[in-house]
């Protein structure tokens, strides 16, 4: 199918003012009103460095980046349906939750939290990905 002049229903992109992907992918994939955002770390897009050495700062930065990505896809944090969180240390669960609630407000999408052995960038304490829908027109 590659090389054929066929229009895909799948849009993929990485909006400006979001972290640069560390591999061969875009952060956002969209089909119709469905949105997926791939694994994102707490990297400040302005500096290219981690937002901070603690899980709270990294959590807040991830959700700030998600807000920018979702806006570019016609959505926002209130339209998130599911979040996966991959923590380096489950002992960071409470601190991550505090920052998560600070950013997400009263919206409580379905969520999965998994402890992982390692993540691809030094100093990263967690990554998240999510699924969302677009806002109604």
C-alpha atoms as a PDB file:
ATOM      1  CA  UNK A   1       0.000   0.000   0.000  1.00  0.00           C
ATOM      2  CA  UNK A   2       2.941   2.365   0.473  1.00  0.00           C
ATOM      3  CA  UNK A   3       3.549   4.602  -2.479  1.00  0.00           C
ATOM      4  CA  UNK A   4      -0.064   4.535  -3.620  1.00  0.00           C
ATOM      5  CA  UNK A   5      -1.889   7.836  -3.873  1.00  0.00           C
ATOM      6  CA  UNK A   6      -4.468   6.876  -1.262  1.00  0.00           C
ATOM      7  CA  UNK A   7      -5.747   9.285   1.381  1.00  0.00           C
ATOM      8  CA  UNK A   8      -5.648   7.788   4.853  1.00  0.00           C
ATOM      9  CA  UNK A   9      -8.335   8.478   7.429  1.00  0.00           C
ATOM     10  CA  UNK A  10      -5.528   8.452   9.993  1.00  0.00           C
ATOM     11  CA  UNK A  11      -3.945  11.818  10.773  1.00  0.00           C
ATOM     12  CA  UNK A  12      -0.666  11.795  12.696  1.00  0.00           C
ATOM     13  CA  UNK A  13       1.180  14.880  13.878  1.00  0.00           C
ATOM     14  CA  UNK A  14       3.290  16.468  16.592  1.00  0.00           C
ATOM     15  CA  UNK A  15       2.055  19.986  17.370  1.00  0.00           C
ATOM     16  CA  UNK A  16       4.426  22.918  17.962  1.00  0.00           C
ATOM     17  CA  UNK A  17       5.245  23.672  21.605  1.00  0.00           C
ATOM     18  CA  UNK A  18       5.315  20.006  22.569  1.00  0.00           C
ATOM     19  CA  UNK A  19       8.319  17.788  23.283  1.00  0.00           C
ATOM     20  CA  UNK A  20      10.180  16.407  20.286  1.00  0.00           C
ATOM     21  CA  UNK A  21       9.541  12.660  19.940  1.00  0.00           C
ATOM     22  CA  UNK A  22      12.619  10.577  20.781  1.00  0.00           C
ATOM     23  CA  UNK A  23      11.865   8.024  18.076  1.00  0.00           C
ATOM     24  CA  UNK A  24      10.267   7.623  14.635  1.00  0.00           C
ATOM     25  CA  UNK A  25       6.704   8.578  15.561  1.00  0.00           C
ATOM     26  CA  UNK A  26       4.305  11.473  16.042  1.00  0.00           C
ATOM     27  CA  UNK A  27       2.709  12.124  19.413  1.00  0.00           C
ATOM     28  CA  UNK A  28      -0.876  12.361  18.144  1.00  0.00           C
ATOM     29  CA  UNK A  29      -2.975  10.020  16.011  1.00  0.00           C
ATOM     30  CA  UNK A  30      -6.548  10.925  15.107  1.00  0.00           C
ATOM     31  CA  UNK A  31      -9.302   9.070  13.257  1.00  0.00           C
ATOM     32  CA  UNK A  32     -12.643  10.858  13.105  1.00  0.00           C
ATOM     33  CA  UNK A  33     -13.449  11.974  16.636  1.00  0.00           C
ATOM     34  CA  UNK A  34     -11.042   9.507  18.283  1.00  0.00           C
ATOM     35  CA  UNK A  35      -7.627  10.719  19.509  1.00  0.00           C
ATOM     36  CA  UNK A  36      -4.637   8.767  20.793  1.00  0.00           C
ATOM     37  CA  UNK A  37      -1.544  10.366  22.286  1.00  0.00           C
ATOM     38  CA  UNK A  38       1.506   8.145  22.610  1.00  0.00           C
ATOM     39  CA  UNK A  39       3.919   7.829  25.499  1.00  0.00           C
ATOM     40  CA  UNK A  40       5.010  11.269  26.688  1.00  0.00           C
ATOM     41  CA  UNK A  41       7.564  12.177  29.329  1.00  0.00           C
ATOM     42  CA  UNK A  42       7.713  15.346  31.449  1.00  0.00           C
ATOM     43  CA  UNK A  43      10.022  17.232  29.101  1.00  0.00           C
ATOM     44  CA  UNK A  44       9.697  21.006  28.880  1.00  0.00           C
ATOM     45  CA  UNK A  45       9.392  21.704  25.129  1.00  0.00           C
ATOM     46  CA  UNK A  46      11.025  25.133  25.514  1.00  0.00           C
ATOM     47  CA  UNK A  47      14.258  23.716  26.947  1.00  0.00           C
ATOM     48  CA  UNK A  48      14.217  20.061  25.886  1.00  0.00           C
ATOM     49  CA  UNK A  49      15.034  19.078  29.479  1.00  0.00           C
ATOM     50  CA  UNK A  50      12.947  17.441  32.178  1.00  0.00           C
ATOM     51  CA  UNK A  51      10.506  19.802  33.902  1.00  0.00           C
ATOM     52  CA  UNK A  52      12.001  18.798  37.231  1.00  0.00           C
ATOM     53  CA  UNK A  53      13.633  15.966  39.141  1.00  0.00           C
ATOM     54  CA  UNK A  54      10.426  15.017  40.979  1.00  0.00           C
ATOM     55  CA  UNK A  55       7.369  13.083  39.852  1.00  0.00           C
ATOM     56  CA  UNK A  56       5.006  16.006  40.557  1.00  0.00           C
ATOM     57  CA  UNK A  57       6.786  18.405  38.204  1.00  0.00           C
ATOM     58  CA  UNK A  58       7.050  15.722  35.518  1.00  0.00           C
ATOM     59  CA  UNK A  59       3.353  14.805  35.872  1.00  0.00           C
ATOM     60  CA  UNK A  60       2.252  18.433  35.547  1.00  0.00           C
ATOM     61  CA  UNK A  61       4.453  18.901  32.457  1.00  0.00           C
ATOM     62  CA  UNK A  62       3.059  15.788  30.776  1.00  0.00           C
ATOM     63  CA  UNK A  63      -0.496  17.009  31.308  1.00  0.00           C
ATOM     64  CA  UNK A  64       0.435  20.512  30.062  1.00  0.00           C
ATOM     65  CA  UNK A  65       1.861  18.905  26.920  1.00  0.00           C
ATOM     66  CA  UNK A  66      -1.280  16.767  26.573  1.00  0.00           C
ATOM     67  CA  UNK A  67      -3.426  19.923  26.769  1.00  0.00           C
ATOM     68  CA  UNK A  68      -1.488  21.469  23.854  1.00  0.00           C
ATOM     69  CA  UNK A  69      -1.664  18.238  21.817  1.00  0.00           C
ATOM     70  CA  UNK A  70      -5.381  17.814  22.489  1.00  0.00           C
ATOM     71  CA  UNK A  71      -6.124  21.423  21.521  1.00  0.00           C
ATOM     72  CA  UNK A  72      -4.360  20.823  18.194  1.00  0.00           C
ATOM     73  CA  UNK A  73      -6.662  17.821  17.666  1.00  0.00           C
ATOM     74  CA  UNK A  74      -9.865  19.679  18.600  1.00  0.00           C
ATOM     75  CA  UNK A  75     -10.123  18.461  22.175  1.00  0.00           C
ATOM     76  CA  UNK A  76      -9.073  19.149  25.766  1.00  0.00           C
ATOM     77  CA  UNK A  77      -8.368  17.366  29.044  1.00  0.00           C
ATOM     78  CA  UNK A  78     -12.118  17.189  29.806  1.00  0.00           C
ATOM     79  CA  UNK A  79     -12.555  14.868  26.813  1.00  0.00           C
ATOM     80  CA  UNK A  80      -9.951  12.292  27.872  1.00  0.00           C
ATOM     81  CA  UNK A  81     -11.472   8.818  28.147  1.00  0.00           C
ATOM     82  CA  UNK A  82      -8.500   6.748  29.377  1.00  0.00           C
ATOM     83  CA  UNK A  83      -4.966   7.376  30.668  1.00  0.00           C
ATOM     84  CA  UNK A  84      -2.121   4.873  31.036  1.00  0.00           C
ATOM     85  CA  UNK A  85       0.590   5.853  33.509  1.00  0.00           C
ATOM     86  CA  UNK A  86       3.927   4.063  33.646  1.00  0.00           C
ATOM     87  CA  UNK A  87       5.752   4.808  36.921  1.00  0.00           C
ATOM     88  CA  UNK A  88       9.387   3.957  37.608  1.00  0.00           C
ATOM     89  CA  UNK A  89       8.605   3.667  41.330  1.00  0.00           C
ATOM     90  CA  UNK A  90       5.188   2.803  42.716  1.00  0.00           C
ATOM     91  CA  UNK A  91       6.252   4.747  45.827  1.00  0.00           C
ATOM     92  CA  UNK A  92       5.663   7.894  43.672  1.00  0.00           C
ATOM     93  CA  UNK A  93       1.965   6.986  43.296  1.00  0.00           C
ATOM     94  CA  UNK A  94       0.639   9.498  45.866  1.00  0.00           C
ATOM     95  CA  UNK A  95       2.789  12.391  44.631  1.00  0.00           C
ATOM     96  CA  UNK A  96       1.806  11.629  41.023  1.00  0.00           C
ATOM     97  CA  UNK A  97      -1.875  11.526  42.038  1.00  0.00           C
ATOM     98  CA  UNK A  98      -1.620  14.944  43.730  1.00  0.00           C
ATOM     99  CA  UNK A  99      -0.201  16.560  40.597  1.00  0.00           C
ATOM    100  CA  UNK A 100      -2.665  14.635  38.394  1.00  0.00           C
ATOM    101  CA  UNK A 101      -5.674  15.935  40.372  1.00  0.00           C
ATOM    102  CA  UNK A 102      -4.218  19.459  40.287  1.00  0.00           C
ATOM    103  CA  UNK A 103      -4.140  19.331  36.478  1.00  0.00           C
ATOM    104  CA  UNK A 104      -7.245  17.214  35.738  1.00  0.00           C
ATOM    105  CA  UNK A 105      -9.611  18.930  38.193  1.00  0.00           C
ATOM    106  CA  UNK A 106     -12.817  16.975  38.739  1.00  0.00           C
ATOM    107  CA  UNK A 107     -12.560  14.983  35.483  1.00  0.00           C
ATOM    108  CA  UNK A 108     -11.846  11.327  36.255  1.00  0.00           C
ATOM    109  CA  UNK A 109     -11.285   9.302  33.072  1.00  0.00           C
ATOM    110  CA  UNK A 110     -10.609   5.583  33.281  1.00  0.00           C
ATOM    111  CA  UNK A 111      -6.975   5.013  34.228  1.00  0.00           C
ATOM    112  CA  UNK A 112      -4.314   2.335  34.531  1.00  0.00           C
ATOM    113  CA  UNK A 113      -1.085   2.732  36.538  1.00  0.00           C
ATOM    114  CA  UNK A 114       1.754   0.287  35.989  1.00  0.00           C
ATOM    115  CA  UNK A 115       5.218   0.141  37.571  1.00  0.00           C
ATOM    116  CA  UNK A 116       7.952  -0.355  34.989  1.00  0.00           C
ATOM    117  CA  UNK A 117      11.575  -1.336  35.334  1.00  0.00           C
ATOM    118  CA  UNK A 118      13.004   1.432  33.168  1.00  0.00           C
ATOM    119  CA  UNK A 119      12.082   4.190  30.732  1.00  0.00           C
ATOM    120  CA  UNK A 120      13.988   5.279  27.609  1.00  0.00           C
ATOM    121  CA  UNK A 121      15.309   8.645  28.813  1.00  0.00           C
ATOM    122  CA  UNK A 122      17.556   9.179  31.878  1.00  0.00           C
ATOM    123  CA  UNK A 123      15.841  10.898  34.812  1.00  0.00           C
ATOM    124  CA  UNK A 124      12.321  10.193  33.573  1.00  0.00           C
ATOM    125  CA  UNK A 125      10.169   9.035  36.492  1.00  0.00           C
ATOM    126  CA  UNK A 126       6.993   8.352  34.496  1.00  0.00           C
ATOM    127  CA  UNK A 127       5.406   8.461  31.090  1.00  0.00           C
ATOM    128  CA  UNK A 128       1.746   8.645  30.147  1.00  0.00           C
ATOM    129  CA  UNK A 129      -0.362   8.018  27.099  1.00  0.00           C
ATOM    130  CA  UNK A 130      -4.048   8.628  26.618  1.00  0.00           C
ATOM    131  CA  UNK A 131      -7.180   8.204  24.557  1.00  0.00           C
ATOM    132  CA  UNK A 132      -9.674  11.034  24.060  1.00  0.00           C
ATOM    133  CA  UNK A 133     -12.493  12.241  21.845  1.00  0.00           C
ATOM    134  CA  UNK A 134     -12.920  15.581  20.124  1.00  0.00           C
ATOM    135  CA  UNK A 135     -15.187  18.290  21.474  1.00  0.00           C
ATOM    136  CA  UNK A 136     -18.603  18.509  19.850  1.00  0.00           C
ATOM    137  CA  UNK A 137     -18.774  21.204  17.158  1.00  0.00           C
END
